[in-house]
């Protein structure tokens, strides 16, 4: 992952964790909300420290999918 790609993924992570939680997750089951929370935590760690880029990339895509931004 190049520096430019990493910067773009950090930007996407910040946008994903800043977006409001979708109603489907808020009113949904425990498993969906736990997965959303875990993905948000992975994205936050990546946005702050740049750790686990591959895992964060998957989490970002999952959050964007749930939020309807894919």
Protein backbone atom coordinates (compact mmCIF):
# COMPACT_ATOMS: atom_id res chain seq x y z
CA UNK A 1 0.00 0.00 0.00
CA UNK A 2 1.52 3.31 -1.07
CA UNK A 3 1.43 6.41 1.07
CA UNK A 4 -1.26 7.98 -1.15
CA UNK A 5 -3.44 4.87 -0.92
CA UNK A 6 -3.02 4.77 2.86
CA UNK A 7 -4.02 8.42 3.12
CA UNK A 8 -7.13 7.78 1.01
CA UNK A 9 -8.14 4.78 3.15
CA UNK A 10 -7.58 6.85 6.31
CA UNK A 11 -9.89 9.52 4.89
CA UNK A 12 -12.52 6.89 4.07
CA UNK A 13 -12.18 5.42 7.58
CA UNK A 14 -12.73 8.83 9.15
CA UNK A 15 -15.83 9.44 7.01
CA UNK A 16 -17.20 5.97 7.83
CA UNK A 17 -16.86 6.35 11.59
CA UNK A 18 -18.19 9.92 11.51
CA UNK A 19 -21.41 8.96 9.72
CA UNK A 20 -24.56 8.40 11.78
CA UNK A 21 -25.38 4.83 12.76
CA UNK A 22 -28.00 3.44 10.34
CA UNK A 23 -31.44 2.63 11.73
CA UNK A 24 -31.06 -0.99 10.62
CA UNK A 25 -28.12 -1.34 13.01
CA UNK A 26 -29.64 0.76 15.81
CA UNK A 27 -32.88 -1.21 15.79
CA UNK A 28 -31.39 -4.49 14.60
CA UNK A 29 -30.08 -7.51 16.39
CA UNK A 30 -27.19 -7.90 18.76
CA UNK A 31 -24.92 -9.57 16.21
CA UNK A 32 -25.27 -6.79 13.64
CA UNK A 33 -24.63 -4.05 16.19
CA UNK A 34 -21.62 -5.91 17.61
CA UNK A 35 -20.16 -6.32 14.11
CA UNK A 36 -20.73 -2.62 13.39
CA UNK A 37 -19.08 -1.66 16.70
CA UNK A 38 -16.08 -3.90 16.01
CA UNK A 39 -15.68 -2.53 12.47
CA UNK A 40 -15.87 1.04 13.79
CA UNK A 41 -13.17 0.26 16.37
CA UNK A 42 -10.88 -1.19 13.69
CA UNK A 43 -11.46 1.87 11.49
CA UNK A 44 -10.78 4.24 14.38
CA UNK A 45 -7.49 2.50 15.20
CA UNK A 46 -6.46 2.68 11.55
CA UNK A 47 -7.44 6.35 11.24
CA UNK A 48 -5.47 7.26 14.38
CA UNK A 49 -2.39 5.05 14.20
CA UNK A 50 -2.41 3.41 10.77
CA UNK A 51 -2.41 -0.11 12.22
CA UNK A 52 -3.76 -3.24 10.50
CA UNK A 53 -4.37 -1.72 7.05
CA UNK A 54 -5.72 -4.91 5.43
CA UNK A 55 -8.17 -5.60 8.23
CA UNK A 56 -9.19 -1.94 8.24
CA UNK A 57 -9.83 -1.99 4.50
CA UNK A 58 -12.36 -4.81 4.92
CA UNK A 59 -13.98 -3.06 7.90
CA UNK A 60 -14.26 0.22 5.98
CA UNK A 61 -15.93 -1.49 3.05
CA UNK A 62 -18.34 -3.27 5.42
CA UNK A 63 -19.25 0.01 7.15
CA UNK A 64 -19.73 1.79 3.83
CA UNK A 65 -21.96 -1.05 2.65
CA UNK A 66 -24.17 -0.88 5.73
CA UNK A 67 -24.35 2.89 5.42
CA UNK A 68 -25.36 2.61 1.75
CA UNK A 69 -22.32 4.43 0.37
CA UNK A 70 -20.92 1.70 -1.90
